[in-house]
Protein backbone atom coordinates (compact mmCIF):
# COMPACT_ATOMS: atom_id res chain seq x y z
CA MET A 1 -44.79 70.73 45.48
CA SER A 2 -42.19 71.57 42.91
CA SER A 3 -40.30 68.99 40.94
CA SER A 4 -36.54 68.71 41.26
CA ILE A 5 -34.54 71.78 40.25
CA THR A 6 -32.48 71.13 37.13
CA SER A 7 -30.23 73.16 34.90
CA SER A 8 -33.18 73.73 32.59
CA ASN A 9 -35.17 75.79 35.09
CA ALA A 10 -32.54 77.43 37.30
CA PRO A 11 -29.05 78.86 36.83
CA ARG A 12 -26.16 76.61 37.89
CA ALA A 13 -23.98 77.62 40.79
CA PRO A 14 -20.95 79.69 39.80
CA ASP A 15 -17.62 78.57 41.21
CA ALA A 16 -15.50 80.81 43.42
CA LYS A 17 -13.61 82.32 40.46
CA ARG A 18 -16.54 82.90 38.16
CA ALA A 19 -17.65 86.48 37.42
CA PRO A 20 -19.96 88.27 37.39
CA LEU A 21 -22.01 87.12 40.36
CA MET A 22 -25.67 86.35 39.89
CA SER A 23 -27.93 89.35 40.42
CA LEU A 24 -30.46 89.38 43.24
CA ASP A 25 -33.32 89.59 40.73
CA GLN A 26 -32.06 86.45 38.95
CA ALA A 27 -31.68 84.61 42.24
CA LEU A 28 -35.14 85.63 43.43
CA GLN A 29 -36.71 84.47 40.17
CA ALA A 30 -34.98 81.08 40.43
CA VAL A 31 -36.19 80.71 44.00
CA LEU A 32 -39.77 81.66 43.13
CA ASP A 33 -39.83 79.35 40.09
CA ALA A 34 -39.02 76.43 42.41
CA ALA A 35 -41.54 77.36 45.10
CA GLN A 36 -44.77 75.73 44.02
CA ALA A 37 -47.40 75.48 46.71
CA VAL A 38 -47.54 72.54 49.12
CA SER A 39 -50.37 70.29 47.97
CA GLN A 40 -51.51 69.00 51.36
CA THR A 41 -54.34 70.85 53.10
CA GLU A 42 -56.25 70.58 56.37
CA PHE A 43 -59.24 72.09 58.14
CA VAL A 44 -58.67 74.24 61.20
CA ALA A 45 -61.07 76.07 63.48
CA THR A 46 -61.54 79.68 62.44
CA LEU A 47 -60.60 80.72 65.97
CA GLN A 48 -57.23 79.00 65.49
CA ALA A 49 -56.51 80.06 61.90
CA ASP A 50 -54.58 83.31 62.41
CA GLY A 51 -51.55 83.32 60.10
CA ARG A 52 -52.66 80.30 58.07
CA VAL A 53 -53.10 80.41 54.29
CA LEU A 54 -56.43 79.66 52.62
CA ALA A 55 -56.50 76.60 50.36
CA GLN A 56 -59.78 77.61 48.71
CA ASP A 57 -61.87 80.67 47.95
CA LEU A 58 -64.30 81.67 50.70
CA VAL A 59 -67.72 82.16 49.11
CA SER A 60 -70.54 83.72 51.11
CA ALA A 61 -73.81 81.81 51.37
CA LEU A 62 -75.66 84.86 52.68
CA GLN A 63 -75.93 88.63 52.60
CA VAL A 64 -74.08 90.65 55.24
CA PRO A 65 -75.95 92.28 56.81
CA PRO A 66 -78.83 89.90 56.08
CA GLN A 67 -81.41 92.71 56.04
CA ASP A 68 -81.57 96.49 56.30
CA ASN A 69 -80.75 97.58 59.84
CA SER A 70 -80.15 100.67 61.91
CA SER A 71 -76.63 101.98 62.46
CA MET A 72 -77.82 104.24 65.31
CA ASP A 73 -80.00 104.24 68.40
CA GLY A 74 -82.96 106.43 67.49
CA TYR A 75 -86.31 106.35 65.71
CA ALA A 76 -87.27 104.71 62.44
CA VAL A 77 -89.55 107.01 60.45
CA ARG A 78 -91.26 107.48 57.10
CA MET A 79 -89.79 110.36 55.11
CA CYS A 80 -93.22 111.52 54.03
CA ASP A 81 -94.01 112.24 57.73
CA VAL A 82 -90.92 114.33 58.53
CA GLN A 83 -90.65 117.10 55.98
CA GLN A 84 -90.08 119.76 58.61
CA THR A 85 -88.72 120.05 62.15
CA GLY A 86 -91.03 119.86 65.13
CA VAL A 87 -93.19 117.07 63.70
CA ARG A 88 -94.66 114.75 66.34
CA LEU A 89 -95.12 111.05 65.64
CA LYS A 90 -96.68 108.26 67.69
CA VAL A 91 -94.13 105.71 68.96
CA THR A 92 -95.99 102.49 68.29
CA GLN A 93 -93.24 99.88 68.77
CA ARG A 94 -89.81 99.18 70.21
CA ILE A 95 -87.30 97.19 68.12
CA PRO A 96 -84.09 95.94 69.79
CA ALA A 97 -81.34 94.15 67.84
CA GLY A 98 -82.32 90.60 66.95
CA GLN A 99 -86.07 91.26 66.72
CA ASN A 100 -88.28 92.23 63.78
CA GLY A 101 -90.76 95.08 63.87
CA THR A 102 -94.12 95.52 62.17
CA ALA A 103 -94.96 97.86 59.31
CA LEU A 104 -95.11 101.59 60.10
CA ASN A 105 -98.32 103.41 59.24
CA ARG A 106 -98.52 107.10 58.42
CA GLY A 107 -97.77 109.27 61.43
CA GLU A 108 -95.96 106.51 63.31
CA ALA A 109 -92.35 106.00 64.43
CA ALA A 110 -90.52 103.02 65.93
CA ARG A 111 -88.02 103.24 68.76
CA ILE A 112 -85.04 101.37 67.27
CA PHE A 113 -81.59 100.33 68.46
CA THR A 114 -78.28 99.81 66.67
CA GLY A 115 -78.34 96.61 64.59
CA ALA A 116 -82.12 96.18 64.73
CA PRO A 117 -83.95 95.44 61.45
CA ILE A 118 -85.65 98.40 59.78
CA PRO A 119 -89.43 97.91 59.94
CA PRO A 120 -91.40 97.81 56.66
CA GLY A 121 -92.38 101.28 55.51
CA ALA A 122 -89.52 103.11 57.25
CA ASP A 123 -86.94 104.77 55.01
CA ALA A 124 -84.79 106.76 57.48
CA VAL A 125 -83.57 106.72 61.08
CA VAL A 126 -83.41 109.83 63.23
CA MET A 127 -80.75 109.42 65.89
CA GLN A 128 -81.97 109.91 69.43
CA GLU A 129 -79.93 113.12 69.88
CA ASP A 130 -82.12 114.74 67.19
CA ALA A 131 -85.41 113.66 68.75
CA GLU A 132 -87.32 114.32 71.95
CA LEU A 133 -89.56 111.71 73.54
CA LEU A 134 -92.81 113.17 74.90
CA GLY A 135 -94.91 111.35 77.47
CA GLY A 136 -98.26 110.10 76.20
CA THR A 137 -101.53 110.30 78.08
CA PRO A 138 -102.60 107.19 80.02
CA GLY A 139 -103.65 104.50 77.58
CA GLN A 140 -102.08 106.24 74.59
CA GLU A 141 -98.74 105.72 72.87
CA PRO A 142 -95.97 108.19 73.67
CA GLU A 143 -94.90 110.63 70.96
CA VAL A 144 -91.54 111.67 69.62
CA GLN A 145 -90.74 115.14 68.35
CA ILE A 146 -88.36 115.20 65.39
CA ASN A 147 -85.93 118.13 65.71
CA ALA A 148 -83.86 117.52 62.56
CA VAL A 149 -85.18 116.59 59.12
CA PRO A 150 -83.43 113.39 57.97
CA SER A 151 -82.38 112.43 54.45
CA THR A 152 -83.70 109.32 52.73
CA GLY A 153 -81.75 106.27 53.88
CA GLN A 154 -80.12 108.11 56.77
CA TRP A 155 -78.47 105.78 59.34
CA ILE A 156 -79.67 102.67 57.51
CA ARG A 157 -77.20 99.91 56.68
CA ARG A 158 -78.47 98.14 53.57
CA SER A 159 -78.67 94.37 53.20
CA GLY A 160 -75.55 93.09 51.47
CA GLU A 161 -73.62 96.35 51.69
CA ASP A 162 -70.76 94.45 53.35
CA VAL A 163 -71.01 91.08 51.58
CA THR A 164 -73.35 89.92 48.83
CA GLN A 165 -74.54 86.33 48.59
CA GLY A 166 -72.27 84.31 46.28
CA ALA A 167 -69.36 86.74 46.51
CA VAL A 168 -65.77 85.55 47.03
CA VAL A 169 -64.92 87.36 50.25
CA LEU A 170 -61.38 85.98 50.59
CA PRO A 171 -59.51 84.34 47.69
CA LEU A 172 -57.36 81.23 47.67
CA GLY A 173 -53.86 82.14 48.85
CA THR A 174 -54.89 84.75 51.43
CA ARG A 175 -52.79 84.74 54.58
CA LEU A 176 -55.38 85.08 57.32
CA ASP A 177 -55.14 87.94 59.81
CA PRO A 178 -57.48 89.08 62.59
CA ALA A 179 -59.67 91.13 60.24
CA SER A 180 -60.06 88.30 57.72
CA LEU A 181 -60.91 85.86 60.51
CA GLY A 182 -63.72 88.19 61.54
CA LEU A 183 -64.91 88.35 57.93
CA ALA A 184 -64.91 84.55 57.67
CA ALA A 185 -66.93 84.34 60.87
CA SER A 186 -69.39 86.94 59.56
CA ILE A 187 -70.40 84.55 56.78
CA GLY A 188 -70.87 81.68 59.25
CA LEU A 189 -67.65 79.70 58.82
CA ASP A 190 -66.36 77.98 61.95
CA GLN A 191 -63.71 75.98 60.05
CA LEU A 192 -61.40 76.92 57.20
CA LYS A 193 -59.49 74.86 54.65
CA VAL A 194 -55.84 75.88 54.80
CA VAL A 195 -52.50 74.82 53.35
CA ARG A 196 -50.37 72.55 55.51
CA ARG A 197 -47.63 74.46 57.32
CA PRO A 198 -44.22 74.24 55.62
CA ARG A 199 -41.87 72.05 57.64
CA VAL A 200 -38.52 73.73 58.14
CA ALA A 201 -35.38 72.28 59.71
CA LEU A 202 -33.17 75.01 61.16
CA PHE A 203 -29.57 74.73 62.28
CA SER A 204 -26.44 76.85 62.64
CA THR A 205 -22.85 75.81 62.05
CA GLY A 206 -19.69 76.98 63.74
CA ASP A 207 -17.43 75.82 66.54
CA GLU A 208 -17.36 79.38 67.79
CA LEU A 209 -21.08 79.44 68.57
CA VAL A 210 -22.38 79.26 72.15
CA MET A 211 -25.99 79.33 73.28
CA PRO A 212 -27.04 82.07 75.72
CA GLY A 213 -27.30 80.55 79.18
CA GLN A 214 -24.64 77.91 78.59
CA VAL A 215 -21.69 80.14 79.46
CA PRO A 216 -21.84 83.51 81.25
CA PRO A 217 -20.25 86.44 79.38
CA GLU A 218 -17.27 86.68 81.73
CA LYS A 219 -16.37 83.02 81.07
CA MET A 220 -16.62 83.01 77.28
CA ARG A 221 -13.52 81.51 75.66
CA PRO A 222 -11.54 83.63 73.19
CA GLY A 223 -13.24 83.74 69.80
CA ALA A 224 -16.58 82.43 71.05
CA ILE A 225 -19.83 84.28 70.28
CA TYR A 226 -23.44 83.80 71.26
CA ASN A 227 -25.69 82.34 68.57
CA SER A 228 -28.02 85.25 67.77
CA ASN A 229 -29.04 83.98 64.31
CA ARG A 230 -30.87 81.00 65.76
CA PHE A 231 -33.20 83.27 67.70
CA PHE A 232 -34.28 85.71 65.01
CA LEU A 233 -34.46 83.08 62.25
CA ARG A 234 -36.70 80.83 64.33
CA ALA A 235 -38.95 83.79 65.19
CA LEU A 236 -39.18 84.83 61.54
CA LEU A 237 -40.09 81.29 60.47
CA LEU A 238 -42.83 81.07 63.09
CA ARG A 239 -44.23 84.44 62.00
CA LEU A 240 -44.46 83.08 58.47
CA GLY A 241 -46.57 80.15 59.65
CA CYS A 242 -43.88 77.44 59.48
CA GLU A 243 -43.52 74.30 61.57
CA VAL A 244 -39.93 74.59 62.83
CA THR A 245 -37.58 71.82 63.93
CA ASP A 246 -34.66 73.49 65.70
CA MET A 247 -31.65 71.21 65.19
CA GLY A 248 -29.29 73.39 67.18
CA ILE A 249 -25.63 74.04 66.46
CA VAL A 250 -23.66 71.68 64.22
CA PRO A 251 -19.88 71.53 64.68
CA ASP A 252 -17.54 72.42 61.81
CA GLN A 253 -17.05 68.82 60.75
CA ARG A 254 -17.89 67.28 57.38
CA ASP A 255 -19.36 64.05 58.80
CA ALA A 256 -21.53 65.92 61.31
CA THR A 257 -22.78 68.22 58.56
CA LEU A 258 -23.62 65.32 56.23
CA ALA A 259 -25.48 63.53 59.04
CA VAL A 260 -27.65 66.46 60.04
CA LEU A 261 -28.51 67.24 56.41
CA GLN A 262 -29.63 63.65 55.84
CA THR A 263 -31.74 63.68 59.00
CA ALA A 264 -33.29 67.06 58.14
CA ALA A 265 -34.08 66.09 54.54
CA ALA A 266 -36.11 63.06 55.61
CA GLU A 267 -39.09 64.95 57.03
CA HIS A 268 -38.89 68.59 55.97
CA ASP A 269 -39.78 70.78 53.02
CA LEU A 270 -36.88 73.15 53.62
CA ILE A 271 -33.51 72.98 55.37
CA LEU A 272 -32.41 76.44 56.48
CA THR A 273 -28.89 76.99 57.76
CA SER A 274 -26.74 79.93 58.77
CA GLY A 275 -22.99 79.83 58.34
CA GLY A 276 -20.74 77.40 56.50
CA VAL A 277 -21.66 78.36 52.90
CA SER A 278 -18.58 80.41 52.11
CA VAL A 279 -15.27 79.09 50.71
CA GLY A 280 -13.18 78.62 53.86
CA GLU A 281 -11.64 75.30 54.85
CA GLU A 282 -14.08 75.04 57.79
CA ASP A 283 -17.13 75.83 55.67
CA HIS A 284 -18.57 72.34 55.21
CA VAL A 285 -22.22 73.04 54.37
CA LYS A 286 -21.77 73.83 50.67
CA PRO A 287 -19.72 70.70 49.81
CA ALA A 288 -21.99 68.55 51.99
CA VAL A 289 -25.09 69.74 50.11
CA GLU A 290 -23.36 69.06 46.79
CA ALA A 291 -22.49 65.55 48.00
CA LEU A 292 -26.10 64.81 48.97
CA GLY A 293 -27.88 66.77 46.24
CA HIS A 294 -26.96 69.87 44.29
CA LEU A 295 -26.86 73.65 44.41
CA ALA A 296 -28.91 75.58 41.87
CA LEU A 297 -27.32 78.90 42.78
CA TRP A 298 -24.57 80.19 45.02
CA GLN A 299 -23.20 83.66 45.72
CA ILE A 300 -25.33 86.72 44.95
CA SER A 301 -24.24 90.17 43.84
CA MET A 302 -25.60 91.85 46.94
CA LYS A 303 -24.21 93.42 50.10
CA PRO A 304 -24.67 92.19 52.73
CA GLY A 305 -25.52 88.60 51.83
CA LYS A 306 -23.17 87.47 49.07
CA PRO A 307 -22.60 83.86 50.29
CA PHE A 308 -26.22 82.69 49.87
CA ALA A 309 -26.90 79.18 48.57
CA PHE A 310 -30.02 77.46 47.23
CA GLY A 311 -30.51 73.88 46.13
CA GLN A 312 -31.87 70.49 47.15
CA VAL A 313 -30.83 67.59 49.37
CA ARG A 314 -31.88 64.04 48.45
CA ARG A 315 -33.92 62.08 50.94
CA VAL A 316 -31.94 58.96 51.77
CA SER A 317 -34.89 57.52 53.69
CA ALA A 318 -38.07 59.49 53.08
CA VAL A 319 -40.28 59.16 56.17
CA ASP A 320 -43.15 61.19 54.73
CA ALA A 321 -43.29 60.71 50.97
CA ALA A 322 -46.18 63.18 50.80
CA VAL A 323 -43.89 66.03 51.82
CA ASP A 324 -42.17 66.06 48.42
CA GLU A 325 -42.94 63.50 45.77
CA THR A 326 -39.53 64.13 44.15
CA GLY A 327 -37.62 62.75 47.16
CA HIS A 328 -35.85 66.03 47.87
CA ALA A 329 -35.92 68.71 50.52
CA PHE A 330 -35.10 72.25 49.49
CA PHE A 331 -31.97 73.81 50.95
CA MET A 332 -31.24 77.45 51.69
CA GLY A 333 -27.93 78.43 53.22
CA LEU A 334 -27.62 81.88 54.75
CA PRO A 335 -24.40 83.71 55.60
CA GLY A 336 -23.19 83.50 59.18
CA ASN A 337 -22.95 87.23 59.82
CA PRO A 338 -26.23 88.21 61.50
CA VAL A 339 -27.14 91.20 59.31
CA SER A 340 -26.37 89.21 56.16
CA SER A 341 -28.51 86.37 57.47
CA PHE A 342 -31.39 88.72 58.30
CA ILE A 343 -31.33 90.52 54.94
CA THR A 344 -31.07 87.37 52.81
CA PHE A 345 -33.90 85.80 54.79
CA MET A 346 -36.14 88.75 54.04
CA LEU A 347 -35.23 89.06 50.37
CA LEU A 348 -35.02 85.38 49.39
CA VAL A 349 -36.24 82.96 52.09
CA ARG A 350 -39.43 84.83 52.91
CA PRO A 351 -40.76 84.93 49.30
CA PHE A 352 -39.82 81.28 48.85
CA LEU A 353 -41.81 80.27 51.93
CA GLN A 354 -44.73 82.39 50.77
CA GLY A 355 -44.59 80.49 47.50
CA LEU A 356 -44.59 77.13 49.29
CA GLN A 357 -47.81 78.20 50.99
CA GLY A 358 -49.39 79.54 47.79
CA VAL A 359 -49.63 83.03 49.25
CA LEU A 360 -50.84 85.74 46.88
CA GLN A 361 -47.76 87.92 46.54
CA ALA A 362 -47.47 91.43 45.20
CA PRO A 363 -44.01 92.95 44.79
CA ALA A 364 -43.09 95.21 47.69
CA GLN A 365 -43.29 98.86 46.72
CA PRO A 366 -40.43 101.08 47.90
CA LEU A 367 -40.89 104.57 49.31
CA ARG A 368 -39.05 107.39 47.57
CA LEU A 369 -37.27 109.42 50.22
CA GLN A 370 -34.49 111.99 50.36
CA ALA A 371 -31.16 110.96 51.84
CA ASN A 372 -29.93 112.80 54.93
CA PHE A 373 -26.53 111.18 54.51
CA SER A 374 -23.55 110.74 52.25
CA TRP A 375 -22.48 107.39 50.77
CA PRO A 376 -19.44 108.35 48.71
CA LYS A 377 -17.97 104.94 47.88
CA ALA A 378 -19.90 102.93 45.29
CA ASP A 379 -19.84 99.14 45.48
CA ARG A 380 -19.98 96.68 42.59
CA ARG A 381 -22.80 94.88 44.37
CA ARG A 382 -26.35 96.01 45.08
CA GLU A 383 -26.39 97.32 48.65
CA PHE A 384 -29.03 97.23 51.37
CA LEU A 385 -28.21 99.98 53.86
CA ARG A 386 -29.88 99.97 57.27
CA ALA A 387 -31.73 103.26 57.67
CA LYS A 388 -34.54 105.02 59.50
CA ARG A 389 -37.16 107.53 58.34
CA ASP A 390 -37.05 110.94 60.03
CA GLY A 391 -40.76 111.81 59.77
CA ALA A 392 -40.16 114.69 57.34
CA GLY A 393 -39.69 112.72 54.14
CA GLY A 394 -36.02 112.03 54.74
CA VAL A 395 -34.01 109.00 55.75
CA ASP A 396 -31.02 108.67 58.10
CA LEU A 397 -28.29 106.05 57.90
CA PHE A 398 -26.95 103.92 60.72
CA PRO A 399 -23.27 104.90 61.09
CA ASN A 400 -21.87 101.35 61.06
CA GLN A 401 -23.00 99.27 58.07
CA SER A 402 -20.89 96.20 58.91
CA SER A 403 -22.69 92.89 58.33
CA GLY A 404 -21.90 91.85 61.90
CA VAL A 405 -23.60 94.83 63.57
CA LEU A 406 -27.05 93.54 64.53
CA THR A 407 -27.81 96.78 66.39
CA SER A 408 -28.17 98.40 62.95
CA VAL A 409 -31.23 96.22 62.25
CA VAL A 410 -32.79 97.00 65.64
CA TRP A 411 -32.20 100.75 65.21
CA ALA A 412 -33.43 100.87 61.61
CA ASP A 413 -37.01 100.66 60.38
CA GLY A 414 -36.00 99.60 56.88
CA VAL A 415 -33.27 99.54 54.25
CA VAL A 416 -32.14 101.80 51.44
CA ASP A 417 -31.90 99.74 48.24
CA ASN A 418 -28.80 101.18 46.56
CA PRO A 419 -28.00 99.98 43.02
CA SER A 420 -24.52 98.71 42.19
CA GLY A 421 -22.03 101.43 41.33
CA GLN A 422 -24.18 104.15 42.93
CA THR A 423 -22.99 106.86 45.30
CA ILE A 424 -25.42 108.88 47.42
CA SER A 425 -25.22 112.55 48.41
CA PRO A 426 -27.44 114.43 50.89
CA GLY A 427 -30.69 115.39 49.17
CA ASP A 428 -30.58 112.54 46.62
CA TRP A 429 -33.74 110.51 46.21
CA VAL A 430 -33.38 106.89 47.28
CA GLN A 431 -35.56 103.78 47.39
CA PHE A 432 -36.49 102.75 50.91
CA TYR A 433 -38.14 99.47 51.90
CA PRO A 434 -39.75 99.49 55.38
CA PHE A 435 -39.22 96.36 57.45
CA SER A 436 -42.99 96.37 57.94
CA GLU A 437 -43.29 95.30 54.28
CA TRP A 438 -41.33 92.16 55.12
CA LEU A 439 -42.64 91.38 58.60
CA SER A 440 -46.37 91.46 57.84
């Protein structure tokens, strides 16, 4: 894993009065520079490896398919025998999948089934819909009449056309999905070497937070809210292949915050929090992190998501020294407002976790769409506006862009990335990032 973040490899945190704020691109680069891959690996069964990240190249020891085979039920023939329609050939053998046939002689055909090896001498397959089986006389082979002249190689899958022996079929850093698991199985691998899951400690802060089920809506005290962030952040971490320790809700108290940070740092690669990283008197997370470690960056020029923090917390008593040889756990503090928390997770936490797993990452490519809306007031910060495609090359905007309106994220299928100082008029071209780019 990465060595400790210092002022030489990451910008220092600006104080509350410092301007301008760090740009999102600068913050992302600092985060990615710190996120070297976890060094520990393990072997898991291929059947259980969905979502894991390969720790080595997968090299095929064989050809796939191993030999030429039929892609249709039909008749294997020699091209020299079928130069015109109506030709009749003796059916001298039957070749099901998993069995080899014998060489075809002139004037012969083989009844063949999908996946069966092509017999020596055959150079095309006529599918059964283009042939007519004729009964033979007692003691003689039946005949087949060919009603369509095939082309050379027709309906034949060639040996190695899927995978060649010695080829790297999946490179180091691939996040495995159902298709790649099938590909690994096709070259005979029942176990795969993968990167250890990142260990993430998750907690929320705020005396106003209540867990669903603890208090019914009609009995909620004034100012109390249900903790929605805990649910979507945990789900996002699990989707990214993390091992999550849910540490619940921490009260707005300095001692409680220090204690949970120390406990979380002992056994985790990353501490992820929501709330408590702003500048209010009850925001204890930022000063607690600075007391136990340091912040490499704080406050980003983006909307929503300005009060984002990134740094490290020292391990007072490292239980698993192999987790991080430097004796630190990384820290990422997300804003408390749910939309801000969701957006900063996608833009900053997700790429960091991908880096911890050594995932091959390509920058997300935005779609260029026309705005069906007006955004007349430019902001100094880069904005991420919740929006939805209309199916005709346009994009609609959710009417309420407040950072506390989680319904905007559910309604939307992506965000418009609006540069700082930019207004938008109907018909303007905008950059749109689908959520599917972030959730895959």
